[in-house]
Amino acid sequence: VQLQASGGGSVQTGRSLRLSCAASGFSLDDYAIGWFRQAPGKEREVVSAISSSDGNRYYADSVKGRFTISSDNAKNTVYLQMNSLKPEDTAVYYCAAVRVGAWFDSQTFGLASEYKYWGQGTQVTVSS
């Protein structure tokens, strides 16, 4: 099982980036993918998650309206389109996988301890 995150970079405020999370060894039909981020000196926080099995998507309040999560099950890849980036979005972004179940909803998608598989991070830096 492997998750490969990519697409990070350095951009100016207001610009966009698209992160990719390529999964191997399991199917997105059985797992939800979450994006988390961690800035220096701060706690890891959830950004967004998608459950391909039912199409549900969840977002942290801080990114609603700016970020969009999507999946391409044929490619076993999840994307995070990040628009209108702000300096406070600067962080290392990680994707992680959790087996879906009835418990996975808008209140629980951010529970990092439930995610079983984690990818390496990709750095996003937004300058003002």
Protein backbone atom coordinates (compact mmCIF):
# COMPACT_ATOMS: atom_id res chain seq x y z
CA VAL A 1 0.00 0.00 0.00
CA GLN A 2 1.39 3.34 -0.98
CA LEU A 3 0.25 6.94 -1.26
CA GLN A 4 2.28 9.34 -3.33
CA ALA A 5 1.55 13.04 -2.90
CA SER A 6 2.81 15.55 -5.42
CA GLY A 7 2.11 18.97 -6.88
CA GLY A 8 3.35 21.28 -4.18
CA GLY A 9 5.33 24.40 -4.92
CA SER A 10 5.86 28.06 -4.22
CA VAL A 11 3.29 30.56 -5.46
CA GLN A 12 2.14 34.07 -4.72
CA THR A 13 -1.05 35.00 -2.91
CA GLY A 14 -4.12 34.45 -5.02
CA ARG A 15 -2.60 31.84 -7.29
CA SER A 16 -3.53 28.18 -7.61
CA LEU A 17 -1.97 24.77 -7.19
CA ARG A 18 -3.27 21.26 -7.71
CA LEU A 19 -2.06 18.49 -5.47
CA SER A 20 -2.28 14.85 -6.48
CA CYS A 21 -2.39 11.76 -4.33
CA ALA A 22 -1.74 8.55 -6.26
CA ALA A 23 -2.82 5.43 -4.40
CA SER A 24 -1.58 1.91 -5.01
CA GLY A 25 -2.32 -1.38 -3.33
CA PHE A 26 -5.93 -0.61 -2.57
CA SER A 27 -9.03 0.72 -4.29
CA LEU A 28 -10.57 4.13 -3.75
CA ASP A 29 -13.91 2.32 -3.77
CA ASP A 30 -13.05 0.98 -0.32
CA TYR A 31 -11.12 3.87 1.17
CA ALA A 32 -11.65 7.56 1.68
CA ILE A 33 -8.75 9.91 1.09
CA GLY A 34 -8.08 12.88 3.29
CA TRP A 35 -5.75 15.79 2.89
CA PHE A 36 -4.07 17.15 5.99
CA ARG A 37 -1.54 19.91 6.43
CA GLN A 38 0.96 20.95 9.02
CA ALA A 39 2.62 24.32 9.24
CA PRO A 40 5.81 24.89 11.25
CA GLY A 41 5.04 25.05 14.94
CA LYS A 42 1.40 24.18 14.44
CA GLU A 43 -0.76 21.12 14.90
CA ARG A 44 -1.65 18.97 11.93
CA GLU A 45 -5.10 19.84 10.65
CA VAL A 46 -7.50 18.33 8.20
CA VAL A 47 -8.11 20.18 4.96
CA SER A 48 -10.51 18.01 3.02
CA ALA A 49 -11.62 14.45 2.43
CA ILE A 50 -13.49 12.48 -0.20
CA SER A 51 -15.31 9.21 -0.05
CA SER A 52 -15.49 7.94 -3.63
CA SER A 53 -17.91 5.17 -2.72
CA ASP A 54 -20.70 7.64 -2.00
CA GLY A 55 -19.32 10.81 -3.51
CA ASN A 56 -19.26 12.73 -0.25
CA ARG A 57 -16.75 15.52 0.09
CA TYR A 58 -15.79 17.38 3.22
CA TYR A 59 -13.87 20.58 3.79
CA ALA A 60 -12.41 22.48 6.68
CA ASP A 61 -14.06 25.86 7.12
CA SER A 62 -10.78 27.60 6.35
CA VAL A 63 -10.71 26.28 2.79
CA LYS A 64 -14.39 26.10 1.85
CA GLY A 65 -15.04 27.89 -1.40
CA ARG A 66 -11.36 27.91 -2.33
CA PHE A 67 -10.33 24.24 -2.40
CA THR A 68 -11.97 21.43 -4.32
CA ILE A 69 -11.30 17.75 -3.81
CA SER A 70 -11.97 15.22 -6.55
CA SER A 71 -11.06 11.70 -7.49
CA ASP A 72 -10.33 9.72 -10.62
CA ASN A 73 -10.99 6.15 -9.62
CA ALA A 74 -9.70 4.83 -12.93
CA LYS A 75 -6.34 6.32 -12.05
CA ASN A 76 -6.75 5.64 -8.32
CA THR A 77 -5.81 9.25 -7.75
CA VAL A 78 -7.29 12.03 -5.66
CA TYR A 79 -6.75 15.69 -6.43
CA LEU A 80 -6.90 18.82 -4.34
CA GLN A 81 -7.41 21.94 -6.42
CA MET A 82 -6.36 24.93 -4.35
CA ASN A 83 -7.42 28.34 -5.59
CA SER A 84 -7.05 31.82 -4.11
CA LEU A 85 -4.15 30.66 -2.01
CA LYS A 86 -3.21 32.65 1.06
CA PRO A 87 0.01 32.81 3.07
CA GLU A 88 -1.76 30.94 5.87
CA ASP A 89 -2.14 27.97 3.51
CA THR A 90 1.62 27.48 3.68
CA ALA A 91 2.30 24.01 5.08
CA VAL A 92 3.37 20.51 4.27
CA TYR A 93 0.36 18.73 2.81
CA TYR A 94 -0.20 15.02 3.37
CA CYS A 95 -2.72 12.63 1.93
CA ALA A 96 -3.97 9.69 3.94
CA ALA A 97 -6.37 6.79 3.48
CA VAL A 98 -9.04 5.41 5.77
CA ARG A 99 -11.42 2.53 5.15
CA VAL A 100 -14.87 3.95 4.66
CA GLY A 101 -17.78 3.07 6.88
CA ALA A 102 -20.95 4.48 8.31
CA TRP A 103 -18.92 6.37 10.90
CA PHE A 104 -17.19 8.52 8.25
CA ASP A 105 -19.07 11.79 7.97
CA SER A 106 -18.75 15.55 8.26
CA GLN A 107 -18.00 15.27 11.98
CA THR A 108 -15.38 12.53 11.79
CA PHE A 109 -13.50 13.03 8.54
CA GLY A 110 -10.83 15.01 10.36
CA LEU A 111 -9.88 12.29 12.84
CA ALA A 112 -6.27 11.76 11.80
CA SER A 113 -5.86 8.80 14.14
CA GLU A 114 -8.37 6.83 12.08
CA TYR A 115 -6.38 7.10 8.86
CA LYS A 116 -4.33 3.98 8.33
CA TYR A 117 -2.06 4.87 5.45
CA TRP A 118 -0.14 8.09 4.96
CA GLY A 119 1.84 9.48 2.09
CA GLN A 120 4.91 11.62 2.27
CA GLY A 121 4.25 15.32 2.38
CA THR A 122 4.46 17.90 -0.34
CA GLN A 123 5.42 21.47 0.52
CA VAL A 124 3.13 24.34 -0.36
CA THR A 125 4.49 27.84 0.15
CA VAL A 126 2.39 30.93 -0.48
CA SER A 127 4.10 34.28 -0.40
CA SER A 128 2.44 37.64 -0.04
